[in-house]
PDB file of N, CA and C in Angstrom:
ATOM      1  N   MET A   1     -88.368 -47.705 -29.235  1.00  0.00           N
ATOM      2  CA  MET A   1     -87.631 -46.620 -28.639  1.00  0.00           C
ATOM      3  C   MET A   1     -88.609 -45.718 -27.891  1.00  0.00           C
ATOM      4  N   ALA A   2     -88.371 -45.505 -26.616  1.00  0.00           N
ATOM      5  CA  ALA A   2     -89.239 -44.652 -25.809  1.00  0.00           C
ATOM      6  C   ALA A   2     -88.933 -43.190 -26.082  1.00  0.00           C
ATOM      7  N   THR A   3     -89.971 -42.388 -26.111  1.00  0.00           N
ATOM      8  CA  THR A   3     -89.780 -40.949 -26.268  1.00  0.00           C
ATOM      9  C   THR A   3     -90.419 -40.247 -25.083  1.00  0.00           C
ATOM     10  N   PHE A   4     -89.854 -39.153 -24.706  1.00  0.00           N
ATOM     11  CA  PHE A   4     -90.311 -38.397 -23.553  1.00  0.00           C
ATOM     12  C   PHE A   4     -90.466 -36.935 -23.925  1.00  0.00           C
ATOM     13  N   ASN A   5     -91.287 -36.231 -23.147  1.00  0.00           N
ATOM     14  CA  ASN A   5     -91.389 -34.796 -23.338  1.00  0.00           C
ATOM     15  C   ASN A   5     -90.071 -34.140 -22.968  1.00  0.00           C
ATOM     16  N   ARG A   6     -89.752 -33.072 -23.661  1.00  0.00           N
ATOM     17  CA  ARG A   6     -88.586 -32.276 -23.323  1.00  0.00           C
ATOM     18  C   ARG A   6     -88.941 -31.362 -22.171  1.00  0.00           C
ATOM     19  N   ALA A   7     -87.924 -30.786 -21.552  1.00  0.00           N
ATOM     20  CA  ALA A   7     -88.151 -29.854 -20.440  1.00  0.00           C
ATOM     21  C   ALA A   7     -89.120 -28.763 -20.879  1.00  0.00           C
ATOM     22  N   GLY A   8     -90.154 -28.545 -20.098  1.00  0.00           N
ATOM     23  CA  GLY A   8     -91.130 -27.505 -20.401  1.00  0.00           C
ATOM     24  C   GLY A   8     -92.286 -27.944 -21.278  1.00  0.00           C
ATOM     25  N   GLU A   9     -92.202 -29.125 -21.890  1.00  0.00           N
ATOM     26  CA  GLU A   9     -93.299 -29.614 -22.721  1.00  0.00           C
ATOM     27  C   GLU A   9     -94.329 -30.327 -21.860  1.00  0.00           C
ATOM     28  N   GLN A  10     -95.589 -30.195 -22.258  1.00  0.00           N
ATOM     29  CA  GLN A  10     -96.667 -30.873 -21.550  1.00  0.00           C
ATOM     30  C   GLN A  10     -97.539 -31.586 -22.567  1.00  0.00           C
ATOM     31  N   GLY A  11     -98.313 -32.542 -22.074  1.00  0.00           N
ATOM     32  CA  GLY A  11     -99.227 -33.262 -22.954  1.00  0.00           C
ATOM     33  C   GLY A  11     -98.540 -34.415 -23.650  1.00  0.00           C
ATOM     34  N   SER A  12     -99.160 -34.885 -24.737  1.00  0.00           N
ATOM     35  CA  SER A  12     -98.603 -36.032 -25.444  1.00  0.00           C
ATOM     36  C   SER A  12     -97.279 -35.648 -26.113  1.00  0.00           C
ATOM     37  N   VAL A  13     -96.438 -36.639 -26.291  1.00  0.00           N
ATOM     38  CA  VAL A  13     -95.125 -36.413 -26.893  1.00  0.00           C
ATOM     39  C   VAL A  13     -95.306 -36.203 -28.390  1.00  0.00           C
ATOM     40  N   PRO A  14     -94.814 -35.071 -28.926  1.00  0.00           N
ATOM     41  CA  PRO A  14     -94.935 -34.849 -30.371  1.00  0.00           C
ATOM     42  C   PRO A  14     -93.992 -35.770 -31.136  1.00  0.00           C
ATOM     43  N   SER A  15     -94.300 -36.002 -32.414  1.00  0.00           N
ATOM     44  CA  SER A  15     -93.393 -36.827 -33.209  1.00  0.00           C
ATOM     45  C   SER A  15     -92.094 -36.052 -33.421  1.00  0.00           C
ATOM     46  N   ARG A  16     -90.999 -36.772 -33.436  1.00  0.00           N
ATOM     47  CA  ARG A  16     -89.681 -36.171 -33.623  1.00  0.00           C
ATOM     48  C   ARG A  16     -89.082 -36.716 -34.915  1.00  0.00           C
ATOM     49  N   HIS A  17     -88.352 -35.901 -35.631  1.00  0.00           N
ATOM     50  CA  HIS A  17     -87.643 -36.383 -36.814  1.00  0.00           C
ATOM     51  C   HIS A  17     -86.226 -35.866 -36.784  1.00  0.00           C
ATOM     52  N   GLY A  18     -85.452 -36.377 -37.704  1.00  0.00           N
ATOM     53  CA  GLY A  18     -84.061 -35.955 -37.782  1.00  0.00           C
ATOM     54  C   GLY A  18     -83.951 -34.470 -38.071  1.00  0.00           C
ATOM     55  N   ARG A  19     -82.998 -33.854 -37.455  1.00  0.00           N
ATOM     56  CA  ARG A  19     -82.796 -32.414 -37.613  1.00  0.00           C
ATOM     57  C   ARG A  19     -81.899 -32.115 -38.801  1.00  0.00           C
ATOM     58  N   TYR A  20     -81.071 -33.070 -39.225  1.00  0.00           N
ATOM     59  CA  TYR A  20     -80.071 -32.814 -40.263  1.00  0.00           C
ATOM     60  C   TYR A  20     -80.445 -33.501 -41.564  1.00  0.00           C
ATOM     61  N   LEU A  21     -80.151 -32.840 -42.676  1.00  0.00           N
ATOM     62  CA  LEU A  21     -80.394 -33.443 -43.974  1.00  0.00           C
ATOM     63  C   LEU A  21     -79.293 -33.031 -44.928  1.00  0.00           C
ATOM     64  N   GLN A  22     -79.030 -33.898 -45.881  1.00  0.00           N
ATOM     65  CA  GLN A  22     -78.022 -33.610 -46.887  1.00  0.00           C
ATOM     66  C   GLN A  22     -78.714 -33.484 -48.235  1.00  0.00           C
ATOM     67  N   LYS A  23     -78.343 -32.424 -48.945  1.00  0.00           N
ATOM     68  CA  LYS A  23     -78.971 -32.146 -50.235  1.00  0.00           C
ATOM     69  C   LYS A  23     -77.910 -31.551 -51.159  1.00  0.00           C
ATOM     70  N   ASP A  24     -77.742 -32.140 -52.331  1.00  0.00           N
ATOM     71  CA  ASP A  24     -76.781 -31.652 -53.326  1.00  0.00           C
ATOM     72  C   ASP A  24     -75.369 -31.503 -52.757  1.00  0.00           C
ATOM     73  N   GLY A  25     -74.977 -32.434 -51.877  1.00  0.00           N
ATOM     74  CA  GLY A  25     -73.627 -32.426 -51.338  1.00  0.00           C
ATOM     75  C   GLY A  25     -73.400 -31.479 -50.172  1.00  0.00           C
ATOM     76  N   TYR A  26     -74.443 -30.784 -49.732  1.00  0.00           N
ATOM     77  CA  TYR A  26     -74.340 -29.862 -48.600  1.00  0.00           C
ATOM     78  C   TYR A  26     -75.261 -30.307 -47.476  1.00  0.00           C
ATOM     79  N   TRP A  27     -74.958 -29.853 -46.276  1.00  0.00           N
ATOM     80  CA  TRP A  27     -75.740 -30.191 -45.091  1.00  0.00           C
ATOM     81  C   TRP A  27     -76.576 -29.017 -44.648  1.00  0.00           C
ATOM     82  N   TYR A  28     -77.763 -29.343 -44.119  1.00  0.00           N
ATOM     83  CA  TYR A  28     -78.707 -28.364 -43.593  1.00  0.00           C
ATOM     84  C   TYR A  28     -79.245 -28.886 -42.270  1.00  0.00           C
ATOM     85  N   TYR A  29     -79.784 -27.996 -41.456  1.00  0.00           N
ATOM     86  CA  TYR A  29     -80.546 -28.431 -40.292  1.00  0.00           C
ATOM     87  C   TYR A  29     -81.908 -27.780 -40.361  1.00  0.00           C
ATOM     88  N   THR A  30     -82.881 -28.438 -39.753  1.00  0.00           N
ATOM     89  CA  THR A  30     -84.251 -27.956 -39.747  1.00  0.00           C
ATOM     90  C   THR A  30     -84.584 -27.442 -38.351  1.00  0.00           C
ATOM     91  N   THR A  31     -85.158 -26.247 -38.285  1.00  0.00           N
ATOM     92  CA  THR A  31     -85.546 -25.669 -37.002  1.00  0.00           C
ATOM     93  C   THR A  31     -86.916 -26.185 -36.594  1.00  0.00           C
ATOM     94  N   ARG A  32     -87.282 -25.980 -35.331  1.00  0.00           N
ATOM     95  CA  ARG A  32     -88.631 -26.344 -34.865  1.00  0.00           C
ATOM     96  C   ARG A  32     -89.696 -25.602 -35.642  1.00  0.00           C
ATOM     97  N   GLU A  33     -89.331 -24.429 -36.154  1.00  0.00           N
ATOM     98  CA  GLU A  33     -90.281 -23.628 -36.920  1.00  0.00           C
ATOM     99  C   GLU A  33     -90.457 -24.156 -38.339  1.00  0.00           C
ATOM    100  N   GLY A  34     -89.687 -25.184 -38.710  1.00  0.00           N
ATOM    101  CA  GLY A  34     -89.822 -25.796 -40.028  1.00  0.00           C
ATOM    102  C   GLY A  34     -88.974 -25.149 -41.099  1.00  0.00           C
ATOM    103  N   VAL A  35     -87.929 -24.420 -40.722  1.00  0.00           N
ATOM    104  CA  VAL A  35     -87.061 -23.738 -41.679  1.00  0.00           C
ATOM    105  C   VAL A  35     -85.772 -24.540 -41.836  1.00  0.00           C
ATOM    106  N   ASP A  36     -85.384 -24.825 -43.084  1.00  0.00           N
ATOM    107  CA  ASP A  36     -84.106 -25.484 -43.357  1.00  0.00           C
ATOM    108  C   ASP A  36     -83.030 -24.413 -43.455  1.00  0.00           C
ATOM    109  N   ILE A  37     -81.969 -24.554 -42.650  1.00  0.00           N
ATOM    110  CA  ILE A  37     -80.900 -23.556 -42.630  1.00  0.00           C
ATOM    111  C   ILE A  37     -79.609 -24.214 -43.084  1.00  0.00           C
ATOM    112  N   GLY A  38     -78.927 -23.552 -44.000  1.00  0.00           N
ATOM    113  CA  GLY A  38     -77.676 -24.018 -44.566  1.00  0.00           C
ATOM    114  C   GLY A  38     -77.405 -23.224 -45.814  1.00  0.00           C
ATOM    115  N   PRO A  39     -76.527 -23.613 -46.650  1.00  0.00           N
ATOM    116  CA  PRO A  39     -75.816 -24.891 -46.642  1.00  0.00           C
ATOM    117  C   PRO A  39     -74.552 -24.842 -45.782  1.00  0.00           C
ATOM    118  N   PHE A  40     -74.159 -26.027 -45.301  1.00  0.00           N
ATOM    119  CA  PHE A  40     -72.915 -26.232 -44.575  1.00  0.00           C
ATOM    120  C   PHE A  40     -72.103 -27.277 -45.327  1.00  0.00           C
ATOM    121  N   ASP A  41     -70.796 -27.176 -45.254  1.00  0.00           N
ATOM    122  CA  ASP A  41     -69.926 -28.120 -45.963  1.00  0.00           C
ATOM    123  C   ASP A  41     -69.913 -29.502 -45.341  1.00  0.00           C
ATOM    124  N   SER A  42     -70.213 -29.593 -44.045  1.00  0.00           N
ATOM    125  CA  SER A  42     -70.184 -30.894 -43.372  1.00  0.00           C
ATOM    126  C   SER A  42     -71.290 -30.954 -42.321  1.00  0.00           C
ATOM    127  N   ARG A  43     -71.582 -32.173 -41.892  1.00  0.00           N
ATOM    128  CA  ARG A  43     -72.559 -32.336 -40.821  1.00  0.00           C
ATOM    129  C   ARG A  43     -72.049 -31.691 -39.535  1.00  0.00           C
ATOM    130  N   ASP A  44     -70.752 -31.803 -39.279  1.00  0.00           N
ATOM    131  CA  ASP A  44     -70.184 -31.159 -38.091  1.00  0.00           C
ATOM    132  C   ASP A  44     -70.437 -29.653 -38.106  1.00  0.00           C
ATOM    133  N   ASP A  45     -70.270 -29.033 -39.269  1.00  0.00           N
ATOM    134  CA  ASP A  45     -70.538 -27.597 -39.379  1.00  0.00           C
ATOM    135  C   ASP A  45     -72.019 -27.297 -39.133  1.00  0.00           C
ATOM    136  N   ALA A  46     -72.904 -28.168 -39.634  1.00  0.00           N
ATOM    137  CA  ALA A  46     -74.342 -27.986 -39.400  1.00  0.00           C
ATOM    138  C   ALA A  46     -74.668 -28.144 -37.917  1.00  0.00           C
ATOM    139  N   GLU A  47     -74.019 -29.094 -37.242  1.00  0.00           N
ATOM    140  CA  GLU A  47     -74.250 -29.282 -35.812  1.00  0.00           C
ATOM    141  C   GLU A  47     -73.789 -28.058 -35.018  1.00  0.00           C
ATOM    142  N   THR A  48     -72.666 -27.479 -35.413  1.00  0.00           N
ATOM    143  CA  THR A  48     -72.204 -26.243 -34.773  1.00  0.00           C
ATOM    144  C   THR A  48     -73.206 -25.126 -35.033  1.00  0.00           C
ATOM    145  N   GLY A  49     -73.679 -25.043 -36.265  1.00  0.00           N
ATOM    146  CA  GLY A  49     -74.652 -24.017 -36.632  1.00  0.00           C
ATOM    147  C   GLY A  49     -75.942 -24.123 -35.850  1.00  0.00           C
ATOM    148  N   VAL A  50     -76.435 -25.333 -35.622  1.00  0.00           N
ATOM    149  CA  VAL A  50     -77.687 -25.486 -34.883  1.00  0.00           C
ATOM    150  C   VAL A  50     -77.503 -25.048 -33.431  1.00  0.00           C
ATOM    151  N   GLY A  51     -76.343 -25.319 -32.848  1.00  0.00           N
ATOM    152  CA  GLY A  51     -76.083 -24.860 -31.491  1.00  0.00           C
ATOM    153  C   GLY A  51     -76.085 -23.344 -31.405  1.00  0.00           C
ATOM    154  N   GLU A  52     -75.469 -22.704 -32.392  1.00  0.00           N
ATOM    155  CA  GLU A  52     -75.454 -21.242 -32.431  1.00  0.00           C
ATOM    156  C   GLU A  52     -76.861 -20.689 -32.643  1.00  0.00           C
ATOM    157  N   PHE A  53     -77.645 -21.366 -33.484  1.00  0.00           N
ATOM    158  CA  PHE A  53     -79.021 -20.926 -33.727  1.00  0.00           C
ATOM    159  C   PHE A  53     -79.854 -21.025 -32.445  1.00  0.00           C
ATOM    160  N   ILE A  54     -79.707 -22.123 -31.711  1.00  0.00           N
ATOM    161  CA  ILE A  54     -80.455 -22.292 -30.460  1.00  0.00           C
ATOM    162  C   ILE A  54     -80.084 -21.195 -29.470  1.00  0.00           C
ATOM    163  N   ASP A  55     -78.786 -20.906 -29.353  1.00  0.00           N
ATOM    164  CA  ASP A  55     -78.354 -19.809 -28.472  1.00  0.00           C
ATOM    165  C   ASP A  55     -78.997 -18.495 -28.891  1.00  0.00           C
ATOM    166  N   PHE A  56     -79.036 -18.235 -30.199  1.00  0.00           N
ATOM    167  CA  PHE A  56     -79.633 -17.011 -30.726  1.00  0.00           C
ATOM    168  C   PHE A  56     -81.125 -16.932 -30.389  1.00  0.00           C
ATOM    169  N   ILE A  57     -81.854 -18.017 -30.640  1.00  0.00           N
ATOM    170  CA  ILE A  57     -83.302 -18.033 -30.393  1.00  0.00           C
ATOM    171  C   ILE A  57     -83.593 -17.845 -28.911  1.00  0.00           C
ATOM    172  N   GLN A  58     -82.809 -18.491 -28.050  1.00  0.00           N
ATOM    173  CA  GLN A  58     -83.038 -18.367 -26.608  1.00  0.00           C
ATOM    174  C   GLN A  58     -82.812 -16.942 -26.129  1.00  0.00           C
ATOM    175  N   ALA A  59     -81.922 -16.216 -26.777  1.00  0.00           N
ATOM    176  CA  ALA A  59     -81.631 -14.833 -26.378  1.00  0.00           C
ATOM    177  C   ALA A  59     -82.572 -13.825 -27.044  1.00  0.00           C
ATOM    178  N   SER A  60     -83.366 -14.280 -28.014  1.00  0.00           N
ATOM    179  CA  SER A  60     -84.240 -13.389 -28.777  1.00  0.00           C
ATOM    180  C   SER A  60     -85.618 -13.278 -28.148  1.00  0.00           C
ATOM    181  N   GLU A  61     -86.330 -12.262 -28.573  1.00  0.00           N
ATOM    182  CA  GLU A  61     -87.723 -12.107 -28.155  1.00  0.00           C
ATOM    183  C   GLU A  61     -88.594 -13.089 -28.938  1.00  0.00           C
ATOM    184  N   PRO A  62     -89.748 -13.478 -28.374  1.00  0.00           N
ATOM    185  CA  PRO A  62     -90.624 -14.456 -29.051  1.00  0.00           C
ATOM    186  C   PRO A  62     -91.003 -14.067 -30.485  1.00  0.00           C
ATOM    187  N   LYS A  63     -91.042 -12.784 -30.789  1.00  0.00           N
ATOM    188  CA  LYS A  63     -91.445 -12.379 -32.141  1.00  0.00           C
ATOM    189  C   LYS A  63     -90.441 -12.847 -33.202  1.00  0.00           C
ATOM    190  N   VAL A  64     -89.179 -13.104 -32.818  1.00  0.00           N
ATOM    191  CA  VAL A  64     -88.194 -13.608 -33.773  1.00  0.00           C
ATOM    192  C   VAL A  64     -88.588 -15.008 -34.223  1.00  0.00           C
ATOM    193  N   SER A  65     -88.950 -15.868 -33.285  1.00  0.00           N
ATOM    194  CA  SER A  65     -89.397 -17.213 -33.627  1.00  0.00           C
ATOM    195  C   SER A  65     -90.665 -17.160 -34.487  1.00  0.00           C
ATOM    196  N   ASP A  66     -91.573 -16.276 -34.145  1.00  0.00           N
ATOM    197  CA  ASP A  66     -92.803 -16.126 -34.933  1.00  0.00           C
ATOM    198  C   ASP A  66     -92.497 -15.710 -36.356  1.00  0.00           C
ATOM    199  N   MET A  67     -91.508 -14.828 -36.528  1.00  0.00           N
ATOM    200  CA  MET A  67     -91.132 -14.369 -37.858  1.00  0.00           C
ATOM    201  C   MET A  67     -90.563 -15.515 -38.700  1.00  0.00           C
ATOM    202  N   LEU A  68     -89.801 -16.412 -38.071  1.00  0.00           N
ATOM    203  CA  LEU A  68     -89.222 -17.530 -38.800  1.00  0.00           C
ATOM    204  C   LEU A  68     -90.273 -18.438 -39.402  1.00  0.00           C
ATOM    205  N   LYS A  69     -91.413 -18.516 -38.789  1.00  0.00           N
ATOM    206  CA  LYS A  69     -92.488 -19.386 -39.288  1.00  0.00           C
ATOM    207  C   LYS A  69     -92.925 -18.974 -40.695  1.00  0.00           C
ATOM    208  N   GLN A  70     -92.655 -17.723 -41.089  1.00  0.00           N
ATOM    209  CA  GLN A  70     -92.996 -17.263 -42.438  1.00  0.00           C
ATOM    210  C   GLN A  70     -92.164 -17.975 -43.510  1.00  0.00           C
ATOM    211  N   TYR A  71     -91.012 -18.516 -43.096  1.00  0.00           N
ATOM    212  CA  TYR A  71     -90.055 -19.075 -44.050  1.00  0.00           C
ATOM    213  C   TYR A  71     -90.004 -20.592 -44.030  1.00  0.00           C
ATOM    214  N   ARG A  72     -91.052 -21.224 -43.569  1.00  0.00           N
ATOM    215  CA  ARG A  72     -91.100 -22.688 -43.525  1.00  0.00           C
ATOM    216  C   ARG A  72     -90.843 -23.281 -44.891  1.00  0.00           C
ATOM    217  N   ALA A  73     -90.169 -24.436 -44.873  1.00  0.00           N
ATOM    218  CA  ALA A  73     -89.913 -25.151 -46.125  1.00  0.00           C
ATOM    219  C   ALA A  73     -91.237 -25.611 -46.718  1.00  0.00           C
ATOM    220  N   ALA A  74     -91.348 -25.507 -47.992  1.00  0.00           N
ATOM    221  CA  ALA A  74     -92.595 -25.910 -48.672  1.00  0.00           C
ATOM    222  C   ALA A  74     -92.657 -27.410 -48.845  1.00  0.00           C
TER     223      ALA A  74
END
């Protein structure tokens, strides 16, 4: 499977992994900052949530993304 840089990315292509995970019957999504967000009752709900999160991050100042890095999953 070929992988390509996303819009705005330069250099070698970073490794990509699945954004969604299921744990204890609930769904979560993982942000680029490494934070698992949830729980959601279904994968569809998690997919809706990730879209809303992306909209939020795009409208936020860079310091919001920096703050999220404090909450990375261990």
